Amino acid sequence: MASSLSLEDVNYYYISSEDMEMSVSEQVSIALDCGVKMIQYRNKNGTSREMYRDALKLKKLCLERALFIVNDRVDIALAVEADGVHLGQEDLPGEIARCLIGDMILGISTHDLGQAEEASKIADYIGIGPVHKTATKKNADEALGVQGILDIARTVDVPTAAIGGVREADISQLAQEVDMLCAISGVCCDERFTERVKHFEKHFHEEKRRLKP
C-alpha cells in the first residue's frame, strides 16, 4: 500500500457516482476537502481504458490524503497501484484476488451473516448491506435493517462498512458497532453535495468517538 493511512482513520467512505453531472474527479476533490479518508472508484459502464485513465487521476488526488480503492477490477487496481480493491459476491473470489494483490487492502461486499463470516477470513474489511432499500444499485439484496447490520458487525473480527440506503437518522445507531459508513443516494442525489459529505463525515466521526473513546 502506498498510503500511510489505515482503515482505522476512515469514517465516511465515499464511493464515486456515475449518475451526477459533477465529474468523478470533482466529486473526489470535494470529498477529500471534507476530510474523507477513503475513496472508492466505481464505474460499471466505462471501458477498461476509461477506467484506467480515471483511476490514475483519482489515485494522484488521494495521495497521502485518503486510501484509494477500485471497485471490482483487480487489474485496474494493480495497474494504478491503488491502495486496494473492493469485490462483490459475483466478482473474482476473495482468495484468488488475495493471491494477486498481496498486501493491498481487500474489501468484500456481504449481504448476510454467512457471507460476512466467510469474507472475514480473507478480507481486510467487509461491506454489509443494504441497510434500507436503495435505488442506487439495481437488483439489490433484501434490506437488513439497522439491527441486522449491527448483529453482523458485532459477529465478525474485521472492520465493517454499512452501505445501502443509509439515512442520516441511522448514523448514531450504526456507530455502535460499524467502523465505516457509506451513503450514496443520501449524498449524491442531494443538491447540497458538499454539505452532505461534510455532515456524514463529521457526524459519524463524532458518534464513533462518543461511543468508542
N, C-alpha and C. Protein backbone atom coordinates (compact mmCIF):
# COMPACT_ATOMS: atom_id res chain seq x y z
N MET A 1 0.84 -1.20 0.00
CA MET A 1 0.00 0.00 0.00
C MET A 1 0.87 1.25 0.00
N ALA A 2 0.52 2.23 -0.81
CA ALA A 2 1.31 3.44 -0.91
C ALA A 2 0.99 4.44 0.19
N SER A 3 -0.20 4.40 0.73
CA SER A 3 -0.63 5.41 1.69
C SER A 3 -0.18 5.07 3.10
N SER A 4 0.06 6.13 3.89
CA SER A 4 0.41 5.94 5.30
C SER A 4 -0.83 5.84 6.17
N LEU A 5 -2.00 6.03 5.57
CA LEU A 5 -3.26 5.93 6.30
C LEU A 5 -3.64 4.47 6.49
N SER A 6 -4.57 4.22 7.40
CA SER A 6 -5.08 2.87 7.63
C SER A 6 -6.59 2.91 7.73
N LEU A 7 -7.20 1.74 7.75
CA LEU A 7 -8.65 1.66 7.85
C LEU A 7 -9.18 2.30 9.13
N GLU A 8 -8.36 2.35 10.15
CA GLU A 8 -8.77 2.97 11.42
C GLU A 8 -9.02 4.46 11.27
N ASP A 9 -8.46 5.07 10.24
CA ASP A 9 -8.64 6.51 10.01
C ASP A 9 -9.95 6.84 9.32
N VAL A 10 -10.64 5.82 8.82
CA VAL A 10 -11.81 6.04 7.96
C VAL A 10 -13.09 6.18 8.77
N ASN A 11 -13.90 7.17 8.40
CA ASN A 11 -15.23 7.35 8.98
C ASN A 11 -16.28 7.19 7.86
N TYR A 12 -16.50 8.26 7.12
CA TYR A 12 -17.37 8.18 5.95
C TYR A 12 -16.55 7.72 4.76
N TYR A 13 -17.02 6.70 4.07
CA TYR A 13 -16.31 6.05 2.97
C TYR A 13 -17.01 6.47 1.69
N TYR A 14 -16.36 7.33 0.90
CA TYR A 14 -17.03 7.86 -0.29
C TYR A 14 -16.87 6.95 -1.49
N ILE A 15 -17.98 6.65 -2.15
CA ILE A 15 -18.00 5.85 -3.37
C ILE A 15 -18.46 6.74 -4.51
N SER A 16 -17.66 6.82 -5.56
CA SER A 16 -17.99 7.73 -6.66
C SER A 16 -19.27 7.31 -7.37
N SER A 17 -19.93 8.29 -7.96
CA SER A 17 -21.21 8.06 -8.62
C SER A 17 -21.11 8.42 -10.10
N GLU A 18 -21.71 7.59 -10.93
CA GLU A 18 -21.79 7.87 -12.37
C GLU A 18 -23.04 8.68 -12.71
N ASP A 19 -23.91 8.90 -11.75
CA ASP A 19 -25.22 9.49 -12.01
C ASP A 19 -25.29 10.97 -11.67
N MET A 20 -24.14 11.60 -11.47
CA MET A 20 -24.12 13.02 -11.16
C MET A 20 -23.59 13.81 -12.35
N GLU A 21 -24.04 15.05 -12.47
CA GLU A 21 -23.49 15.92 -13.51
C GLU A 21 -22.03 16.26 -13.20
N MET A 22 -21.70 16.27 -11.94
CA MET A 22 -20.35 16.55 -11.49
C MET A 22 -19.40 15.41 -11.89
N SER A 23 -18.22 15.74 -12.37
CA SER A 23 -17.26 14.72 -12.77
C SER A 23 -16.79 13.93 -11.56
N VAL A 24 -16.27 12.74 -11.82
CA VAL A 24 -15.75 11.91 -10.73
C VAL A 24 -14.59 12.62 -10.03
N SER A 25 -13.72 13.27 -10.79
CA SER A 25 -12.59 13.99 -10.19
C SER A 25 -13.07 15.10 -9.27
N GLU A 26 -14.11 15.80 -9.69
CA GLU A 26 -14.65 16.88 -8.86
C GLU A 26 -15.29 16.31 -7.60
N GLN A 27 -16.03 15.22 -7.74
CA GLN A 27 -16.63 14.57 -6.56
C GLN A 27 -15.56 14.22 -5.53
N VAL A 28 -14.50 13.57 -6.02
CA VAL A 28 -13.45 13.11 -5.12
C VAL A 28 -12.70 14.29 -4.50
N SER A 29 -12.45 15.33 -5.26
CA SER A 29 -11.76 16.51 -4.73
C SER A 29 -12.55 17.12 -3.58
N ILE A 30 -13.86 17.21 -3.76
CA ILE A 30 -14.71 17.77 -2.70
C ILE A 30 -14.70 16.86 -1.48
N ALA A 31 -14.84 15.56 -1.70
CA ALA A 31 -14.84 14.61 -0.58
C ALA A 31 -13.53 14.71 0.21
N LEU A 32 -12.41 14.81 -0.49
CA LEU A 32 -11.12 14.94 0.19
C LEU A 32 -11.05 16.23 0.99
N ASP A 33 -11.53 17.31 0.43
CA ASP A 33 -11.53 18.60 1.14
C ASP A 33 -12.43 18.56 2.37
N CYS A 34 -13.41 17.65 2.36
CA CYS A 34 -14.31 17.50 3.51
C CYS A 34 -13.74 16.55 4.56
N GLY A 35 -12.54 16.04 4.33
CA GLY A 35 -11.89 15.20 5.32
C GLY A 35 -12.08 13.71 5.15
N VAL A 36 -12.70 13.27 4.05
CA VAL A 36 -12.93 11.84 3.83
C VAL A 36 -11.59 11.13 3.65
N LYS A 37 -11.45 9.97 4.31
CA LYS A 37 -10.17 9.27 4.33
C LYS A 37 -10.14 7.98 3.50
N MET A 38 -11.22 7.65 2.82
CA MET A 38 -11.19 6.51 1.90
C MET A 38 -12.16 6.77 0.76
N ILE A 39 -11.64 6.59 -0.46
CA ILE A 39 -12.39 6.82 -1.69
C ILE A 39 -12.45 5.52 -2.48
N GLN A 40 -13.64 5.19 -2.97
CA GLN A 40 -13.78 4.04 -3.86
C GLN A 40 -14.21 4.55 -5.24
N TYR A 41 -13.44 4.15 -6.24
CA TYR A 41 -13.81 4.48 -7.62
C TYR A 41 -14.66 3.35 -8.17
N ARG A 42 -15.90 3.67 -8.50
CA ARG A 42 -16.82 2.69 -9.06
C ARG A 42 -17.35 3.18 -10.40
N ASN A 43 -17.18 2.35 -11.42
CA ASN A 43 -17.64 2.69 -12.77
C ASN A 43 -18.11 1.40 -13.42
N LYS A 44 -19.41 1.24 -13.53
CA LYS A 44 -19.98 0.00 -14.05
C LYS A 44 -20.12 0.01 -15.57
N ASN A 45 -19.95 1.16 -16.20
CA ASN A 45 -20.24 1.26 -17.63
C ASN A 45 -19.05 1.68 -18.49
N GLY A 46 -17.95 2.09 -17.87
CA GLY A 46 -16.82 2.58 -18.64
C GLY A 46 -15.99 1.46 -19.25
N THR A 47 -15.21 1.81 -20.26
CA THR A 47 -14.28 0.86 -20.84
C THR A 47 -13.08 0.71 -19.91
N SER A 48 -12.30 -0.32 -20.14
CA SER A 48 -11.11 -0.53 -19.32
C SER A 48 -10.15 0.65 -19.44
N ARG A 49 -10.02 1.20 -20.63
CA ARG A 49 -9.11 2.33 -20.82
C ARG A 49 -9.62 3.57 -20.09
N GLU A 50 -10.93 3.80 -20.15
CA GLU A 50 -11.50 4.93 -19.43
C GLU A 50 -11.30 4.78 -17.93
N MET A 51 -11.51 3.57 -17.45
CA MET A 51 -11.34 3.33 -16.02
C MET A 51 -9.89 3.50 -15.59
N TYR A 52 -8.98 3.03 -16.39
CA TYR A 52 -7.56 3.19 -16.09
C TYR A 52 -7.19 4.67 -16.02
N ARG A 53 -7.66 5.44 -17.00
CA ARG A 53 -7.37 6.87 -17.04
C ARG A 53 -7.93 7.58 -15.80
N ASP A 54 -9.19 7.29 -15.48
CA ASP A 54 -9.82 7.92 -14.32
C ASP A 54 -9.13 7.50 -13.02
N ALA A 55 -8.82 6.22 -12.92
CA ALA A 55 -8.20 5.72 -11.69
C ALA A 55 -6.84 6.35 -11.45
N LEU A 56 -6.08 6.59 -12.51
CA LEU A 56 -4.79 7.26 -12.37
C LEU A 56 -4.96 8.66 -11.79
N LYS A 57 -5.94 9.40 -12.31
CA LYS A 57 -6.20 10.75 -11.82
C LYS A 57 -6.62 10.74 -10.35
N LEU A 58 -7.52 9.83 -10.02
CA LEU A 58 -8.02 9.77 -8.65
C LEU A 58 -6.94 9.33 -7.67
N LYS A 59 -6.11 8.40 -8.09
CA LYS A 59 -5.02 7.96 -7.22
C LYS A 59 -4.12 9.14 -6.86
N LYS A 60 -3.82 9.98 -7.83
CA LYS A 60 -2.98 11.15 -7.58
C LYS A 60 -3.67 12.13 -6.62
N LEU A 61 -4.97 12.31 -6.81
CA LEU A 61 -5.72 13.19 -5.92
C LEU A 61 -5.70 12.69 -4.47
N CYS A 62 -5.78 11.37 -4.33
CA CYS A 62 -5.87 10.77 -2.99
C CYS A 62 -4.53 10.64 -2.29
N LEU A 63 -3.44 10.80 -3.01
CA LEU A 63 -2.11 10.54 -2.47
C LEU A 63 -1.88 11.23 -1.14
N GLU A 64 -1.64 10.42 -0.10
CA GLU A 64 -1.37 10.88 1.27
C GLU A 64 -2.55 11.61 1.91
N ARG A 65 -3.69 11.61 1.25
CA ARG A 65 -4.88 12.24 1.82
C ARG A 65 -5.96 11.23 2.15
N ALA A 66 -6.02 10.16 1.37
CA ALA A 66 -7.06 9.15 1.58
C ALA A 66 -6.62 7.84 0.93
N LEU A 67 -7.13 6.75 1.44
CA LEU A 67 -6.94 5.45 0.82
C LEU A 67 -7.74 5.40 -0.47
N PHE A 68 -7.17 4.85 -1.52
CA PHE A 68 -7.84 4.78 -2.81
C PHE A 68 -8.13 3.33 -3.17
N ILE A 69 -9.42 3.03 -3.32
CA ILE A 69 -9.90 1.67 -3.57
C ILE A 69 -10.60 1.63 -4.94
N VAL A 70 -10.34 0.59 -5.71
CA VAL A 70 -11.01 0.40 -7.00
C VAL A 70 -12.06 -0.68 -6.85
N ASN A 71 -13.26 -0.42 -7.34
CA ASN A 71 -14.35 -1.37 -7.27
C ASN A 71 -14.25 -2.42 -8.37
N ASP A 72 -14.39 -3.67 -8.00
CA ASP A 72 -14.49 -4.81 -8.93
C ASP A 72 -13.21 -5.20 -9.66
N ARG A 73 -12.48 -4.24 -10.17
CA ARG A 73 -11.43 -4.50 -11.14
C ARG A 73 -10.04 -4.64 -10.50
N VAL A 74 -9.66 -5.87 -10.26
CA VAL A 74 -8.33 -6.15 -9.71
C VAL A 74 -7.25 -5.66 -10.66
N ASP A 75 -7.47 -5.83 -11.96
CA ASP A 75 -6.45 -5.42 -12.94
C ASP A 75 -6.21 -3.92 -12.91
N ILE A 76 -7.28 -3.14 -12.80
CA ILE A 76 -7.13 -1.68 -12.75
C ILE A 76 -6.45 -1.27 -11.45
N ALA A 77 -6.84 -1.89 -10.35
CA ALA A 77 -6.23 -1.57 -9.05
C ALA A 77 -4.73 -1.82 -9.08
N LEU A 78 -4.33 -2.94 -9.68
CA LEU A 78 -2.91 -3.26 -9.77
C LEU A 78 -2.19 -2.30 -10.72
N ALA A 79 -2.84 -1.97 -11.83
CA ALA A 79 -2.21 -1.14 -12.85
C ALA A 79 -1.88 0.26 -12.34
N VAL A 80 -2.75 0.81 -11.48
CA VAL A 80 -2.51 2.17 -10.98
C VAL A 80 -1.89 2.17 -9.58
N GLU A 81 -1.61 0.96 -9.07
CA GLU A 81 -1.04 0.82 -7.72
C GLU A 81 -1.95 1.47 -6.68
N ALA A 82 -3.23 1.12 -6.75
CA ALA A 82 -4.20 1.60 -5.76
C ALA A 82 -3.88 1.01 -4.39
N ASP A 83 -4.52 1.56 -3.37
CA ASP A 83 -4.33 1.01 -2.03
C ASP A 83 -5.10 -0.29 -1.84
N GLY A 84 -6.13 -0.50 -2.69
CA GLY A 84 -6.88 -1.74 -2.53
C GLY A 84 -7.95 -1.90 -3.59
N VAL A 85 -8.70 -2.98 -3.45
CA VAL A 85 -9.78 -3.30 -4.38
C VAL A 85 -10.98 -3.79 -3.56
N HIS A 86 -12.17 -3.48 -4.06
CA HIS A 86 -13.39 -3.93 -3.38
C HIS A 86 -14.17 -4.83 -4.33
N LEU A 87 -14.55 -6.02 -3.85
CA LEU A 87 -15.22 -7.01 -4.68
C LEU A 87 -16.63 -7.33 -4.18
N GLY A 88 -17.51 -7.62 -5.12
CA GLY A 88 -18.86 -8.07 -4.79
C GLY A 88 -18.92 -9.58 -4.77
N GLN A 89 -20.08 -10.10 -4.45
CA GLN A 89 -20.25 -11.54 -4.37
C GLN A 89 -20.16 -12.23 -5.73
N GLU A 90 -20.34 -11.49 -6.80
CA GLU A 90 -20.27 -12.08 -8.13
C GLU A 90 -18.92 -11.84 -8.81
N ASP A 91 -18.01 -11.20 -8.12
CA ASP A 91 -16.71 -10.88 -8.69
C ASP A 91 -15.70 -12.01 -8.43
N LEU A 92 -14.46 -11.74 -8.76
CA LEU A 92 -13.39 -12.71 -8.54
C LEU A 92 -13.40 -13.17 -7.08
N PRO A 93 -13.28 -14.48 -6.81
CA PRO A 93 -13.27 -14.96 -5.42
C PRO A 93 -12.18 -14.29 -4.60
N GLY A 94 -12.49 -14.02 -3.35
CA GLY A 94 -11.56 -13.31 -2.49
C GLY A 94 -10.19 -13.96 -2.38
N GLU A 95 -10.16 -15.29 -2.28
CA GLU A 95 -8.88 -15.96 -2.10
C GLU A 95 -8.01 -15.84 -3.35
N ILE A 96 -8.64 -15.78 -4.52
CA ILE A 96 -7.87 -15.59 -5.76
C ILE A 96 -7.36 -14.15 -5.83
N ALA A 97 -8.23 -13.23 -5.49
CA ALA A 97 -7.83 -11.81 -5.50
C ALA A 97 -6.67 -11.58 -4.54
N ARG A 98 -6.72 -12.21 -3.38
CA ARG A 98 -5.65 -12.02 -2.39
C ARG A 98 -4.31 -12.50 -2.95
N CYS A 99 -4.32 -13.59 -3.67
CA CYS A 99 -3.07 -14.09 -4.26
C CYS A 99 -2.50 -13.08 -5.26
N LEU A 100 -3.38 -12.36 -5.95
CA LEU A 100 -2.95 -11.41 -6.97
C LEU A 100 -2.50 -10.08 -6.37
N ILE A 101 -3.19 -9.62 -5.36
CA ILE A 101 -2.92 -8.26 -4.85
C ILE A 101 -1.97 -8.22 -3.67
N GLY A 102 -1.64 -9.37 -3.11
CA GLY A 102 -0.71 -9.38 -1.98
C GLY A 102 -1.27 -8.66 -0.78
N ASP A 103 -0.51 -7.66 -0.26
CA ASP A 103 -0.94 -6.99 0.97
C ASP A 103 -1.77 -5.73 0.72
N MET A 104 -2.23 -5.53 -0.52
CA MET A 104 -3.16 -4.43 -0.77
C MET A 104 -4.44 -4.68 0.03
N ILE A 105 -5.19 -3.64 0.31
CA ILE A 105 -6.45 -3.76 1.02
C ILE A 105 -7.46 -4.52 0.16
N LEU A 106 -8.14 -5.46 0.78
CA LEU A 106 -9.21 -6.20 0.11
C LEU A 106 -10.51 -6.01 0.87
N GLY A 107 -11.50 -5.44 0.19
CA GLY A 107 -12.83 -5.29 0.76
C GLY A 107 -13.80 -6.19 0.01
N ILE A 108 -14.77 -6.74 0.72
CA ILE A 108 -15.75 -7.63 0.09
C ILE A 108 -17.16 -7.25 0.56
N SER A 109 -18.08 -7.13 -0.38
CA SER A 109 -19.48 -6.85 -0.04
C SER A 109 -20.17 -8.11 0.45
N THR A 110 -20.95 -7.98 1.51
CA THR A 110 -21.69 -9.12 2.05
C THR A 110 -23.13 -8.70 2.36
N HIS A 111 -24.02 -9.70 2.34
CA HIS A 111 -25.45 -9.39 2.48
C HIS A 111 -26.16 -10.25 3.52
N ASP A 112 -25.41 -11.12 4.18
CA ASP A 112 -25.97 -11.90 5.27
C ASP A 112 -24.82 -12.39 6.15
N LEU A 113 -25.16 -13.01 7.27
CA LEU A 113 -24.14 -13.43 8.23
C LEU A 113 -23.19 -14.45 7.64
N GLY A 114 -23.70 -15.41 6.88
CA GLY A 114 -22.84 -16.42 6.31
C GLY A 114 -21.79 -15.83 5.37
N GLN A 115 -22.22 -14.92 4.51
CA GLN A 115 -21.27 -14.27 3.61
C GLN A 115 -20.25 -13.45 4.39
N ALA A 116 -20.71 -12.78 5.44
CA ALA A 116 -19.82 -11.95 6.24
C ALA A 116 -18.75 -12.79 6.93
N GLU A 117 -19.16 -13.89 7.50
CA GLU A 117 -18.20 -14.76 8.19
C GLU A 117 -17.19 -15.35 7.21
N GLU A 118 -17.65 -15.72 6.03
CA GLU A 118 -16.75 -16.28 5.02
C GLU A 118 -15.78 -15.22 4.52
N ALA A 119 -16.30 -14.03 4.21
CA ALA A 119 -15.46 -12.96 3.69
C ALA A 119 -14.43 -12.49 4.71
N SER A 120 -14.79 -12.50 5.98
CA SER A 120 -13.88 -12.01 7.02
C SER A 120 -12.64 -12.88 7.17
N LYS A 121 -12.66 -14.07 6.59
CA LYS A 121 -11.49 -14.94 6.66
C LYS A 121 -10.36 -14.45 5.77
N ILE A 122 -10.70 -13.67 4.75
CA ILE A 122 -9.71 -13.25 3.77
C ILE A 122 -9.65 -11.74 3.57
N ALA A 123 -10.74 -11.03 3.86
CA ALA A 123 -10.82 -9.59 3.59
C ALA A 123 -10.22 -8.76 4.72
N ASP A 124 -9.80 -7.55 4.38
CA ASP A 124 -9.33 -6.59 5.38
C ASP A 124 -10.50 -5.82 5.99
N TYR A 125 -11.58 -5.70 5.22
CA TYR A 125 -12.82 -5.12 5.73
C TYR A 125 -13.96 -5.69 4.89
N ILE A 126 -15.16 -5.62 5.43
CA ILE A 126 -16.33 -6.06 4.66
C ILE A 126 -17.39 -4.97 4.65
N GLY A 127 -18.08 -4.88 3.52
CA GLY A 127 -19.26 -4.03 3.44
C GLY A 127 -20.46 -4.88 3.81
N ILE A 128 -21.39 -4.32 4.57
CA ILE A 128 -22.60 -5.04 4.97
C ILE A 128 -23.81 -4.22 4.54
N GLY A 129 -24.73 -4.86 3.81
CA GLY A 129 -25.90 -4.12 3.38
C GLY A 129 -26.76 -4.91 2.41
N PRO A 130 -27.81 -4.29 1.91
CA PRO A 130 -28.17 -2.90 2.18
C PRO A 130 -28.85 -2.72 3.54
N VAL A 131 -28.68 -1.52 4.08
CA VAL A 131 -29.34 -1.20 5.35
C VAL A 131 -30.84 -1.03 5.09
N HIS A 132 -31.16 -0.19 4.11
CA HIS A 132 -32.55 0.01 3.69
C HIS A 132 -32.62 -0.18 2.17
N LYS A 133 -33.80 -0.29 1.65
CA LYS A 133 -33.99 -0.40 0.21
C LYS A 133 -33.38 0.82 -0.46
N THR A 134 -32.64 0.58 -1.53
CA THR A 134 -31.96 1.68 -2.21
C THR A 134 -32.14 1.57 -3.72
N ALA A 135 -32.22 2.72 -4.37
CA ALA A 135 -32.35 2.76 -5.83
C ALA A 135 -31.00 2.86 -6.50
N THR A 136 -29.93 3.02 -5.70
CA THR A 136 -28.60 3.20 -6.27
C THR A 136 -28.12 1.96 -6.99
N LYS A 137 -28.43 0.78 -6.43
CA LYS A 137 -27.95 -0.46 -7.01
C LYS A 137 -29.13 -1.27 -7.53
N LYS A 138 -29.05 -1.67 -8.80
CA LYS A 138 -30.09 -2.49 -9.39
C LYS A 138 -30.01 -3.92 -8.83
N ASN A 139 -31.16 -4.55 -8.68
CA ASN A 139 -31.24 -5.92 -8.18
C ASN A 139 -30.55 -6.07 -6.82
N ALA A 140 -30.74 -5.06 -5.96
CA ALA A 140 -30.12 -5.10 -4.64
C ALA A 140 -30.71 -6.22 -3.79
N ASP A 141 -29.90 -6.73 -2.87
CA ASP A 141 -30.38 -7.77 -1.96
C ASP A 141 -31.40 -7.18 -0.99
N GLU A 142 -32.09 -8.07 -0.29
CA GLU A 142 -33.11 -7.64 0.67
C GLU A 142 -32.47 -6.81 1.78
N ALA A 143 -33.15 -5.73 2.16
CA ALA A 143 -32.63 -4.84 3.20
C ALA A 143 -32.50 -5.58 4.53
N LEU A 144 -31.40 -5.33 5.23
CA LEU A 144 -31.14 -5.97 6.51
C LEU A 144 -31.67 -5.17 7.68
N GLY A 145 -31.89 -3.87 7.47
CA GLY A 145 -32.29 -3.01 8.58
C GLY A 145 -31.09 -2.68 9.44
N VAL A 146 -31.21 -1.64 10.23
CA VAL A 146 -30.09 -1.22 11.09
C VAL A 146 -29.71 -2.33 12.06
N GLN A 147 -30.68 -2.97 12.68
CA GLN A 147 -30.37 -4.01 13.65
C GLN A 147 -29.68 -5.20 12.99
N GLY A 148 -30.08 -5.54 11.78
CA GLY A 148 -29.42 -6.63 11.07
C GLY A 148 -27.96 -6.32 10.80
N ILE A 149 -27.67 -5.08 10.45
CA ILE A 149 -26.28 -4.65 10.23
C ILE A 149 -25.49 -4.76 11.52
N LEU A 150 -26.06 -4.29 12.61
CA LEU A 150 -25.37 -4.32 13.91
C LEU A 150 -25.09 -5.76 14.34
N ASP A 151 -26.05 -6.64 14.14
CA ASP A 151 -25.88 -8.04 14.54
C ASP A 151 -24.71 -8.69 13.80
N ILE A 152 -24.59 -8.40 12.50
CA ILE A 152 -23.49 -8.97 11.73
C ILE A 152 -22.17 -8.32 12.11
N ALA A 153 -22.17 -7.00 12.26
CA ALA A 153 -20.93 -6.27 12.56
C ALA A 153 -20.30 -6.73 13.86
N ARG A 154 -21.12 -7.04 14.85
CA ARG A 154 -20.55 -7.43 16.15
C ARG A 154 -20.08 -8.89 16.14
N THR A 155 -20.40 -9.61 15.07
CA THR A 155 -20.03 -11.02 14.99
C THR A 155 -18.66 -11.23 14.35
N VAL A 156 -18.28 -10.36 13.42
CA VAL A 156 -17.03 -10.56 12.67
C VAL A 156 -15.88 -9.79 13.32
N ASP A 157 -14.66 -10.22 12.97
CA ASP A 157 -13.46 -9.64 13.60
C ASP A 157 -12.68 -8.72 12.68
N VAL A 158 -13.30 -8.25 11.61
CA VAL A 158 -12.64 -7.29 10.72
C VAL A 158 -13.46 -6.00 10.69
N PRO A 159 -12.84 -4.89 10.28
CA PRO A 159 -13.61 -3.64 10.16
C PRO A 159 -14.79 -3.79 9.22
N THR A 160 -15.85 -3.07 9.50
CA THR A 160 -17.08 -3.18 8.72
C THR A 160 -17.53 -1.82 8.20
N ALA A 161 -18.21 -1.85 7.07
CA ALA A 161 -18.77 -0.64 6.48
C ALA A 161 -20.24 -0.89 6.17
N ALA A 162 -21.11 -0.07 6.73
CA ALA A 162 -22.54 -0.17 6.42
C ALA A 162 -22.82 0.56 5.12
N ILE A 163 -23.59 -0.07 4.24
CA ILE A 163 -23.84 0.53 2.93
C ILE A 163 -25.23 0.14 2.43
N GLY A 164 -25.82 1.05 1.65
CA GLY A 164 -27.10 0.74 1.02
C GLY A 164 -28.27 1.42 1.71
N GLY A 165 -28.71 2.56 1.16
CA GLY A 165 -29.86 3.24 1.71
C GLY A 165 -29.65 3.83 3.09
N VAL A 166 -28.41 4.11 3.45
CA VAL A 166 -28.12 4.67 4.78
C VAL A 166 -28.74 6.05 4.91
N ARG A 167 -29.45 6.26 6.01
CA ARG A 167 -30.11 7.54 6.28
C ARG A 167 -29.40 8.28 7.40
N GLU A 168 -29.56 9.57 7.39
CA GLU A 168 -28.94 10.38 8.44
C GLU A 168 -29.38 9.92 9.82
N ALA A 169 -30.62 9.52 9.94
CA ALA A 169 -31.15 9.09 11.24
C ALA A 169 -30.52 7.79 11.72
N ASP A 170 -29.81 7.07 10.84
CA ASP A 170 -29.19 5.80 11.22
C ASP A 170 -27.80 5.97 11.83
N ILE A 171 -27.21 7.12 11.66
CA ILE A 171 -25.79 7.31 11.98
C ILE A 171 -25.45 6.93 13.42
N SER A 172 -26.18 7.48 14.36
CA SER A 172 -25.85 7.24 15.78
C SER A 172 -25.94 5.77 16.14
N GLN A 173 -26.97 5.10 15.66
CA GLN A 173 -27.14 3.69 15.99
C GLN A 173 -26.09 2.82 15.30
N LEU A 174 -25.80 3.09 14.03
CA LEU A 174 -24.80 2.30 13.31
C LEU A 174 -23.42 2.45 13.94
N ALA A 175 -23.12 3.61 14.47
CA ALA A 175 -21.81 3.86 15.08
C ALA A 175 -21.54 2.98 16.29
N GLN A 176 -22.57 2.34 16.83
CA GLN A 176 -22.39 1.45 17.97
C GLN A 176 -21.50 0.26 17.63
N GLU A 177 -21.57 -0.21 16.37
CA GLU A 177 -20.82 -1.41 16.00
C GLU A 177 -20.04 -1.28 14.69
N VAL A 178 -20.47 -0.39 13.82
CA VAL A 178 -19.89 -0.29 12.48
C VAL A 178 -18.71 0.68 12.48
N ASP A 179 -17.68 0.36 11.72
CA ASP A 179 -16.47 1.17 11.68
C ASP A 179 -16.49 2.26 10.62
N MET A 180 -17.20 2.00 9.52
CA MET A 180 -17.26 2.95 8.41
C MET A 180 -18.69 3.04 7.89
N LEU A 181 -18.96 4.13 7.21
CA LEU A 181 -20.32 4.38 6.72
C LEU A 181 -20.27 4.82 5.27
N CYS A 182 -21.08 4.19 4.42
CA CYS A 182 -21.19 4.57 3.01
C CYS A 182 -22.61 5.04 2.76
N ALA A 183 -22.77 6.26 2.33
CA ALA A 183 -24.09 6.76 1.94
C ALA A 183 -23.94 7.34 0.55
N ILE A 184 -24.66 6.78 -0.41
CA ILE A 184 -24.52 7.24 -1.79
C ILE A 184 -25.71 8.12 -2.17
N SER A 185 -26.91 7.55 -2.21
CA SER A 185 -28.06 8.34 -2.63
C SER A 185 -28.34 9.49 -1.66
N GLY A 186 -28.07 9.28 -0.38
CA GLY A 186 -28.30 10.31 0.62
C GLY A 186 -27.35 11.49 0.50
N VAL A 187 -26.32 11.32 -0.31
CA VAL A 187 -25.34 12.39 -0.52
C VAL A 187 -25.34 12.83 -1.98
N CYS A 188 -25.17 11.89 -2.90
CA CYS A 188 -25.01 12.23 -4.31
C CYS A 188 -26.30 12.71 -4.96
N CYS A 189 -27.44 12.33 -4.42
CA CYS A 189 -28.71 12.75 -5.01
C CYS A 189 -29.22 14.03 -4.36
N ASP A 190 -28.39 14.64 -3.56
CA ASP A 190 -28.76 15.86 -2.87
C ASP A 190 -28.02 17.03 -3.52
N GLU A 191 -28.73 18.13 -3.77
CA GLU A 191 -28.09 19.29 -4.39
C GLU A 191 -27.00 19.89 -3.50
N ARG A 192 -27.10 19.64 -2.21
CA ARG A 192 -26.11 20.18 -1.27
C ARG A 192 -25.00 19.16 -1.06
N PHE A 193 -24.37 18.76 -2.14
CA PHE A 193 -23.39 17.67 -2.10
C PHE A 193 -22.28 17.91 -1.08
N THR A 194 -21.62 19.03 -1.17
CA THR A 194 -20.51 19.31 -0.26
C THR A 194 -20.96 19.29 1.19
N GLU A 195 -22.07 19.92 1.45
CA GLU A 195 -22.60 19.97 2.82
C GLU A 195 -22.93 18.58 3.34
N ARG A 196 -23.49 17.74 2.48
CA ARG A 196 -23.87 16.39 2.91
C ARG A 196 -22.65 15.52 3.19
N VAL A 197 -21.65 15.59 2.30
CA VAL A 197 -20.42 14.83 2.54
C VAL A 197 -19.79 15.24 3.86
N LYS A 198 -19.68 16.54 4.05
CA LYS A 198 -19.06 17.07 5.28
C LYS A 198 -19.86 16.62 6.50
N HIS A 199 -21.17 16.63 6.40
CA HIS A 199 -22.01 16.25 7.53
C HIS A 199 -21.86 14.77 7.89
N PHE A 200 -21.90 13.90 6.88
CA PHE A 200 -21.77 12.47 7.17
C PHE A 200 -20.40 12.14 7.75
N GLU A 201 -19.35 12.75 7.22
CA GLU A 201 -18.00 12.53 7.74
C GLU A 201 -17.90 12.99 9.20
N LYS A 202 -18.34 14.20 9.47
CA LYS A 202 -18.22 14.76 10.82
C LYS A 202 -19.12 14.06 11.82
N HIS A 203 -20.38 13.85 11.45
CA HIS A 203 -21.34 13.26 12.38
C HIS A 203 -20.94 11.84 12.77
N PHE A 204 -20.56 11.03 11.78
CA PHE A 204 -20.20 9.65 12.09
C PHE A 204 -18.92 9.61 12.93
N HIS A 205 -17.97 10.46 12.61
CA HIS A 205 -16.73 10.53 13.39
C HIS A 205 -17.02 10.89 14.84
N GLU A 206 -17.87 11.88 15.04
CA GLU A 206 -18.22 12.31 16.40
C GLU A 206 -18.93 11.21 17.16
N GLU A 207 -19.82 10.48 16.50
CA GLU A 207 -20.55 9.40 17.16
C GLU A 207 -19.60 8.26 17.54
N LYS A 208 -18.67 7.95 16.66
CA LYS A 208 -17.67 6.90 16.96
C LYS A 208 -16.83 7.28 18.18
N ARG A 209 -16.41 8.53 18.22
CA ARG A 209 -15.59 8.99 19.35
C ARG A 209 -16.39 8.97 20.65
N ARG A 210 -17.66 9.32 20.55
CA ARG A 210 -18.51 9.34 21.75
C ARG A 210 -18.74 7.93 22.30
N LEU A 211 -18.94 6.97 21.37
CA LEU A 211 -19.26 5.62 21.79
C LEU A 211 -18.01 4.76 22.04
N LYS A 212 -16.92 5.06 21.32
CA LYS A 212 -15.71 4.27 21.46
C LYS A 212 -14.51 5.19 21.71
N PRO A 213 -14.45 5.82 22.87
CA PRO A 213 -13.38 6.79 23.13
C PRO A 213 -12.01 6.11 23.16
